[in-house]
Amino acid sequence: MNSKYYKLMFKNYPDVVNVKELQLMLGGISKKLAYYLMQNNIIKSIKIGREYKIAKADVILYLTEKNCS
């Protein structure tokens, strides 16, 4: 990933976000769509206990390098 995007995008978010923060980062998408993106490995995530954690870098990668169809 290009580090310039990492420095510019989502400055106010931590390096690891939860599902609610992911929803906000992607323009207020639904919780159902957020879980769909994670469960289908479109955006990488890991489950720790009862909560999913998503690296901010993976959200930026999804937005900048993936082909959305």
PDB file of N, CA and C in Angstrom:
ATOM      1  N   MET A   1       0.849  -1.178   0.000  1.00  0.00           N
ATOM      2  CA  MET A   1       0.000   0.000   0.000  1.00  0.00           C
ATOM      3  C   MET A   1       0.886   1.229   0.000  1.00  0.00           C
ATOM      4  N   ASN A   2       0.445   2.227  -0.699  1.00  0.00           N
ATOM      5  CA  ASN A   2       1.162   3.491  -0.766  1.00  0.00           C
ATOM      6  C   ASN A   2       1.026   4.220   0.566  1.00  0.00           C
ATOM      7  N   SER A   3       2.148   4.558   1.178  1.00  0.00           N
ATOM      8  CA  SER A   3       2.115   5.182   2.509  1.00  0.00           C
ATOM      9  C   SER A   3       1.522   6.574   2.484  1.00  0.00           C
ATOM     10  N   LYS A   4       1.479   7.228   1.321  1.00  0.00           N
ATOM     11  CA  LYS A   4       0.884   8.566   1.282  1.00  0.00           C
ATOM     12  C   LYS A   4      -0.611   8.494   1.595  1.00  0.00           C
ATOM     13  N   TYR A   5      -1.281   7.437   1.143  1.00  0.00           N
ATOM     14  CA  TYR A   5      -2.700   7.282   1.468  1.00  0.00           C
ATOM     15  C   TYR A   5      -2.878   7.089   2.965  1.00  0.00           C
ATOM     16  N   TYR A   6      -1.994   6.304   3.560  1.00  0.00           N
ATOM     17  CA  TYR A   6      -2.112   6.020   4.988  1.00  0.00           C
ATOM     18  C   TYR A   6      -1.970   7.293   5.804  1.00  0.00           C
ATOM     19  N   LYS A   7      -1.100   8.178   5.374  1.00  0.00           N
ATOM     20  CA  LYS A   7      -0.889   9.431   6.104  1.00  0.00           C
ATOM     21  C   LYS A   7      -2.030  10.415   5.899  1.00  0.00           C
ATOM     22  N   LEU A   8      -2.724  10.318   4.768  1.00  0.00           N
ATOM     23  CA  LEU A   8      -3.772  11.284   4.436  1.00  0.00           C
ATOM     24  C   LEU A   8      -5.180  10.844   4.839  1.00  0.00           C
ATOM     25  N   MET A   9      -5.453   9.561   4.745  1.00  0.00           N
ATOM     26  CA  MET A   9      -6.817   9.083   4.948  1.00  0.00           C
ATOM     27  C   MET A   9      -7.060   8.672   6.397  1.00  0.00           C
ATOM     28  N   PHE A  10      -8.209   9.035   6.909  1.00  0.00           N
ATOM     29  CA  PHE A  10      -8.684   8.587   8.225  1.00  0.00           C
ATOM     30  C   PHE A  10      -7.708   8.923   9.351  1.00  0.00           C
ATOM     31  N   LYS A  11      -7.188  10.149   9.344  1.00  0.00           N
ATOM     32  CA  LYS A  11      -6.244  10.582  10.380  1.00  0.00           C
ATOM     33  C   LYS A  11      -6.817  10.463  11.787  1.00  0.00           C
ATOM     34  N   ASN A  12      -8.131  10.635  11.916  1.00  0.00           N
ATOM     35  CA  ASN A  12      -8.766  10.645  13.233  1.00  0.00           C
ATOM     36  C   ASN A  12      -9.155   9.260  13.734  1.00  0.00           C
ATOM     37  N   TYR A  13      -8.781   8.236  13.015  1.00  0.00           N
ATOM     38  CA  TYR A  13      -9.119   6.867  13.411  1.00  0.00           C
ATOM     39  C   TYR A  13      -7.867   6.150  13.913  1.00  0.00           C
ATOM     40  N   PRO A  14      -8.040   5.220  14.851  1.00  0.00           N
ATOM     41  CA  PRO A  14      -6.883   4.444  15.324  1.00  0.00           C
ATOM     42  C   PRO A  14      -6.407   3.476  14.236  1.00  0.00           C
ATOM     43  N   ASP A  15      -5.252   2.864  14.445  1.00  0.00           N
ATOM     44  CA  ASP A  15      -4.682   1.929  13.471  1.00  0.00           C
ATOM     45  C   ASP A  15      -5.514   0.657  13.321  1.00  0.00           C
ATOM     46  N   VAL A  16      -6.264   0.313  14.361  1.00  0.00           N
ATOM     47  CA  VAL A  16      -7.149  -0.853  14.339  1.00  0.00           C
ATOM     48  C   VAL A  16      -8.537  -0.368  14.748  1.00  0.00           C
ATOM     49  N   VAL A  17      -9.527  -0.661  13.914  1.00  0.00           N
ATOM     50  CA  VAL A  17     -10.883  -0.170  14.161  1.00  0.00           C
ATOM     51  C   VAL A  17     -11.842  -1.328  14.399  1.00  0.00           C
ATOM     52  N   ASN A  18     -13.017  -1.002  14.934  1.00  0.00           N
ATOM     53  CA  ASN A  18     -14.067  -2.000  15.137  1.00  0.00           C
ATOM     54  C   ASN A  18     -15.110  -1.855  14.021  1.00  0.00           C
ATOM     55  N   VAL A  19     -16.156  -2.638  14.091  1.00  0.00           N
ATOM     56  CA  VAL A  19     -17.167  -2.656  13.024  1.00  0.00           C
ATOM     57  C   VAL A  19     -17.863  -1.295  12.909  1.00  0.00           C
ATOM     58  N   LYS A  20     -18.190  -0.685  14.028  1.00  0.00           N
ATOM     59  CA  LYS A  20     -18.877   0.616  13.997  1.00  0.00           C
ATOM     60  C   LYS A  20     -18.010   1.671  13.314  1.00  0.00           C
ATOM     61  N   GLU A  21     -16.720   1.665  13.631  1.00  0.00           N
ATOM     62  CA  GLU A  21     -15.815   2.622  12.993  1.00  0.00           C
ATOM     63  C   GLU A  21     -15.662   2.310  11.509  1.00  0.00           C
ATOM     64  N   LEU A  22     -15.624   1.034  11.147  1.00  0.00           N
ATOM     65  CA  LEU A  22     -15.575   0.650   9.737  1.00  0.00           C
ATOM     66  C   LEU A  22     -16.787   1.197   9.000  1.00  0.00           C
ATOM     67  N   GLN A  23     -17.957   1.055   9.592  1.00  0.00           N
ATOM     68  CA  GLN A  23     -19.178   1.561   8.978  1.00  0.00           C
ATOM     69  C   GLN A  23     -19.053   3.058   8.691  1.00  0.00           C
ATOM     70  N   LEU A  24     -18.547   3.810   9.656  1.00  0.00           N
ATOM     71  CA  LEU A  24     -18.398   5.253   9.491  1.00  0.00           C
ATOM     72  C   LEU A  24     -17.346   5.591   8.438  1.00  0.00           C
ATOM     73  N   MET A  25     -16.261   4.846   8.431  1.00  0.00           N
ATOM     74  CA  MET A  25     -15.190   5.086   7.459  1.00  0.00           C
ATOM     75  C   MET A  25     -15.675   4.892   6.032  1.00  0.00           C
ATOM     76  N   LEU A  26     -16.616   3.993   5.846  1.00  0.00           N
ATOM     77  CA  LEU A  26     -17.143   3.698   4.511  1.00  0.00           C
ATOM     78  C   LEU A  26     -18.435   4.441   4.230  1.00  0.00           C
ATOM     79  N   GLY A  27     -18.622   5.561   4.879  1.00  0.00           N
ATOM     80  CA  GLY A  27     -19.741   6.444   4.558  1.00  0.00           C
ATOM     81  C   GLY A  27     -21.044   6.082   5.217  1.00  0.00           C
ATOM     82  N   GLY A  28     -20.987   5.364   6.325  1.00  0.00           N
ATOM     83  CA  GLY A  28     -22.215   5.023   7.037  1.00  0.00           C
ATOM     84  C   GLY A  28     -22.921   3.806   6.471  1.00  0.00           C
ATOM     85  N   ILE A  29     -22.162   2.845   5.989  1.00  0.00           N
ATOM     86  CA  ILE A  29     -22.779   1.627   5.459  1.00  0.00           C
ATOM     87  C   ILE A  29     -23.482   0.868   6.587  1.00  0.00           C
ATOM     88  N   SER A  30     -24.344  -0.044   6.221  1.00  0.00           N
ATOM     89  CA  SER A  30     -25.081  -0.823   7.219  1.00  0.00           C
ATOM     90  C   SER A  30     -24.164  -1.831   7.899  1.00  0.00           C
ATOM     91  N   LYS A  31     -24.570  -2.270   9.070  1.00  0.00           N
ATOM     92  CA  LYS A  31     -23.819  -3.284   9.796  1.00  0.00           C
ATOM     93  C   LYS A  31     -23.792  -4.583   8.982  1.00  0.00           C
ATOM     94  N   LYS A  32     -24.911  -4.880   8.333  1.00  0.00           N
ATOM     95  CA  LYS A  32     -24.999  -6.094   7.514  1.00  0.00           C
ATOM     96  C   LYS A  32     -23.965  -6.070   6.386  1.00  0.00           C
ATOM     97  N   LEU A  33     -23.810  -4.944   5.710  1.00  0.00           N
ATOM     98  CA  LEU A  33     -22.828  -4.832   4.641  1.00  0.00           C
ATOM     99  C   LEU A  33     -21.409  -4.903   5.195  1.00  0.00           C
ATOM    100  N   ALA A  34     -21.164  -4.302   6.337  1.00  0.00           N
ATOM    101  CA  ALA A  34     -19.838  -4.368   6.958  1.00  0.00           C
ATOM    102  C   ALA A  34     -19.465  -5.819   7.250  1.00  0.00           C
ATOM    103  N   TYR A  35     -20.390  -6.574   7.836  1.00  0.00           N
ATOM    104  CA  TYR A  35     -20.117  -7.987   8.121  1.00  0.00           C
ATOM    105  C   TYR A  35     -19.951  -8.794   6.832  1.00  0.00           C
ATOM    106  N   TYR A  36     -20.708  -8.457   5.808  1.00  0.00           N
ATOM    107  CA  TYR A  36     -20.570  -9.134   4.517  1.00  0.00           C
ATOM    108  C   TYR A  36     -19.155  -8.931   3.959  1.00  0.00           C
ATOM    109  N   LEU A  37     -18.669  -7.694   3.999  1.00  0.00           N
ATOM    110  CA  LEU A  37     -17.333  -7.391   3.488  1.00  0.00           C
ATOM    111  C   LEU A  37     -16.266  -8.158   4.257  1.00  0.00           C
ATOM    112  N   MET A  38     -16.449  -8.310   5.556  1.00  0.00           N
ATOM    113  CA  MET A  38     -15.468  -9.031   6.370  1.00  0.00           C
ATOM    114  C   MET A  38     -15.582 -10.536   6.176  1.00  0.00           C
ATOM    115  N   GLN A  39     -16.791 -11.064   6.180  1.00  0.00           N
ATOM    116  CA  GLN A  39     -16.985 -12.513   6.083  1.00  0.00           C
ATOM    117  C   GLN A  39     -16.551 -13.068   4.735  1.00  0.00           C
ATOM    118  N   ASN A  40     -16.621 -12.246   3.693  1.00  0.00           N
ATOM    119  CA  ASN A  40     -16.212 -12.674   2.364  1.00  0.00           C
ATOM    120  C   ASN A  40     -14.777 -12.261   2.052  1.00  0.00           C
ATOM    121  N   ASN A  41     -14.055 -11.858   3.080  1.00  0.00           N
ATOM    122  CA  ASN A  41     -12.638 -11.492   2.995  1.00  0.00           C
ATOM    123  C   ASN A  41     -12.372 -10.394   1.980  1.00  0.00           C
ATOM    124  N   ILE A  42     -13.363  -9.554   1.765  1.00  0.00           N
ATOM    125  CA  ILE A  42     -13.181  -8.391   0.899  1.00  0.00           C
ATOM    126  C   ILE A  42     -12.364  -7.352   1.655  1.00  0.00           C
ATOM    127  N   ILE A  43     -12.653  -7.225   2.937  1.00  0.00           N
ATOM    128  CA  ILE A  43     -11.830  -6.445   3.863  1.00  0.00           C
ATOM    129  C   ILE A  43     -11.385  -7.419   4.940  1.00  0.00           C
ATOM    130  N   LYS A  44     -10.078  -7.537   5.127  1.00  0.00           N
ATOM    131  CA  LYS A  44      -9.548  -8.482   6.112  1.00  0.00           C
ATOM    132  C   LYS A  44      -9.897  -8.028   7.530  1.00  0.00           C
ATOM    133  N   SER A  45     -10.198  -9.009   8.374  1.00  0.00           N
ATOM    134  CA  SER A  45     -10.494  -8.724   9.775  1.00  0.00           C
ATOM    135  C   SER A  45     -10.132  -9.945  10.610  1.00  0.00           C
ATOM    136  N   ILE A  46     -10.029  -9.729  11.900  1.00  0.00           N
ATOM    137  CA  ILE A  46      -9.854 -10.840  12.821  1.00  0.00           C
ATOM    138  C   ILE A  46     -10.850 -10.664  13.955  1.00  0.00           C
ATOM    139  N   LYS A  47     -11.247 -11.787  14.529  1.00  0.00           N
ATOM    140  CA  LYS A  47     -12.183 -11.751  15.638  1.00  0.00           C
ATOM    141  C   LYS A  47     -11.402 -12.013  16.918  1.00  0.00           C
ATOM    142  N   ILE A  48     -11.514 -11.087  17.844  1.00  0.00           N
ATOM    143  CA  ILE A  48     -10.878 -11.209  19.148  1.00  0.00           C
ATOM    144  C   ILE A  48     -11.989 -11.207  20.177  1.00  0.00           C
ATOM    145  N   GLY A  49     -12.181 -12.344  20.813  1.00  0.00           N
ATOM    146  CA  GLY A  49     -13.308 -12.464  21.736  1.00  0.00           C
ATOM    147  C   GLY A  49     -14.608 -12.372  20.964  1.00  0.00           C
ATOM    148  N   ARG A  50     -15.406 -11.387  21.308  1.00  0.00           N
ATOM    149  CA  ARG A  50     -16.692 -11.201  20.635  1.00  0.00           C
ATOM    150  C   ARG A  50     -16.672 -10.061  19.629  1.00  0.00           C
ATOM    151  N   GLU A  51     -15.515  -9.476  19.411  1.00  0.00           N
ATOM    152  CA  GLU A  51     -15.434  -8.275  18.588  1.00  0.00           C
ATOM    153  C   GLU A  51     -14.479  -8.468  17.409  1.00  0.00           C
ATOM    154  N   TYR A  52     -14.872  -7.916  16.267  1.00  0.00           N
ATOM    155  CA  TYR A  52     -14.014  -7.937  15.091  1.00  0.00           C
ATOM    156  C   TYR A  52     -13.099  -6.723  15.114  1.00  0.00           C
ATOM    157  N   LYS A  53     -11.872  -6.929  14.668  1.00  0.00           N
ATOM    158  CA  LYS A  53     -10.887  -5.855  14.555  1.00  0.00           C
ATOM    159  C   LYS A  53     -10.417  -5.793  13.112  1.00  0.00           C
ATOM    160  N   ILE A  54     -10.329  -4.577  12.595  1.00  0.00           N
ATOM    161  CA  ILE A  54      -9.959  -4.357  11.206  1.00  0.00           C
ATOM    162  C   ILE A  54      -8.813  -3.353  11.180  1.00  0.00           C
ATOM    163  N   ALA A  55      -7.737  -3.679  10.492  1.00  0.00           N
ATOM    164  CA  ALA A  55      -6.625  -2.749  10.363  1.00  0.00           C
ATOM    165  C   ALA A  55      -7.030  -1.602   9.444  1.00  0.00           C
ATOM    166  N   LYS A  56      -6.737  -0.387   9.870  1.00  0.00           N
ATOM    167  CA  LYS A  56      -7.039   0.785   9.051  1.00  0.00           C
ATOM    168  C   LYS A  56      -6.376   0.649   7.676  1.00  0.00           C
ATOM    169  N   ALA A  57      -5.199   0.060   7.633  1.00  0.00           N
ATOM    170  CA  ALA A  57      -4.489  -0.134   6.364  1.00  0.00           C
ATOM    171  C   ALA A  57      -5.307  -0.997   5.397  1.00  0.00           C
ATOM    172  N   ASP A  58      -6.045  -1.987   5.926  1.00  0.00           N
ATOM    173  CA  ASP A  58      -6.862  -2.836   5.058  1.00  0.00           C
ATOM    174  C   ASP A  58      -8.079  -2.089   4.512  1.00  0.00           C
ATOM    175  N   VAL A  59      -8.615  -1.165   5.279  1.00  0.00           N
ATOM    176  CA  VAL A  59      -9.727  -0.341   4.781  1.00  0.00           C
ATOM    177  C   VAL A  59      -9.224   0.555   3.663  1.00  0.00           C
ATOM    178  N   ILE A  60      -8.072   1.158   3.863  1.00  0.00           N
ATOM    179  CA  ILE A  60      -7.489   2.029   2.841  1.00  0.00           C
ATOM    180  C   ILE A  60      -7.153   1.220   1.594  1.00  0.00           C
ATOM    181  N   LEU A  61      -6.619   0.017   1.775  1.00  0.00           N
ATOM    182  CA  LEU A  61      -6.325  -0.852   0.643  1.00  0.00           C
ATOM    183  C   LEU A  61      -7.593  -1.158  -0.150  1.00  0.00           C
ATOM    184  N   TYR A  62      -8.664  -1.465   0.549  1.00  0.00           N
ATOM    185  CA  TYR A  62      -9.953  -1.745  -0.104  1.00  0.00           C
ATOM    186  C   TYR A  62     -10.407  -0.547  -0.941  1.00  0.00           C
ATOM    187  N   LEU A  63     -10.257   0.646  -0.397  1.00  0.00           N
ATOM    188  CA  LEU A  63     -10.733   1.835  -1.087  1.00  0.00           C
ATOM    189  C   LEU A  63      -9.829   2.280  -2.244  1.00  0.00           C
ATOM    190  N   THR A  64      -8.551   1.981  -2.172  1.00  0.00           N
ATOM    191  CA  THR A  64      -7.624   2.506  -3.165  1.00  0.00           C
ATOM    192  C   THR A  64      -7.173   1.511  -4.218  1.00  0.00           C
ATOM    193  N   GLU A  65      -7.196   0.210  -3.897  1.00  0.00           N
ATOM    194  CA  GLU A  65      -6.596  -0.743  -4.831  1.00  0.00           C
ATOM    195  C   GLU A  65      -7.533  -1.834  -5.317  1.00  0.00           C
ATOM    196  N   LYS A  66      -8.649  -2.038  -4.682  1.00  0.00           N
ATOM    197  CA  LYS A  66      -9.573  -3.086  -5.115  1.00  0.00           C
ATOM    198  C   LYS A  66     -10.443  -2.569  -6.243  1.00  0.00           C
ATOM    199  N   ASN A  67     -10.786  -3.476  -7.144  1.00  0.00           N
ATOM    200  CA  ASN A  67     -11.739  -3.133  -8.207  1.00  0.00           C
ATOM    201  C   ASN A  67     -13.128  -3.451  -7.704  1.00  0.00           C
ATOM    202  N   CYS A  68     -13.942  -2.444  -7.545  1.00  0.00           N
ATOM    203  CA  CYS A  68     -15.322  -2.640  -7.111  1.00  0.00           C
ATOM    204  C   CYS A  68     -16.188  -2.815  -8.341  1.00  0.00           C
ATOM    205  N   SER A  69     -16.977  -3.871  -8.339  1.00  0.00           N
ATOM    206  CA  SER A  69     -17.831  -4.094  -9.523  1.00  0.00           C
ATOM    207  C   SER A  69     -19.276  -4.153  -9.101  1.00  0.00           C
TER     208      SER A  69
END
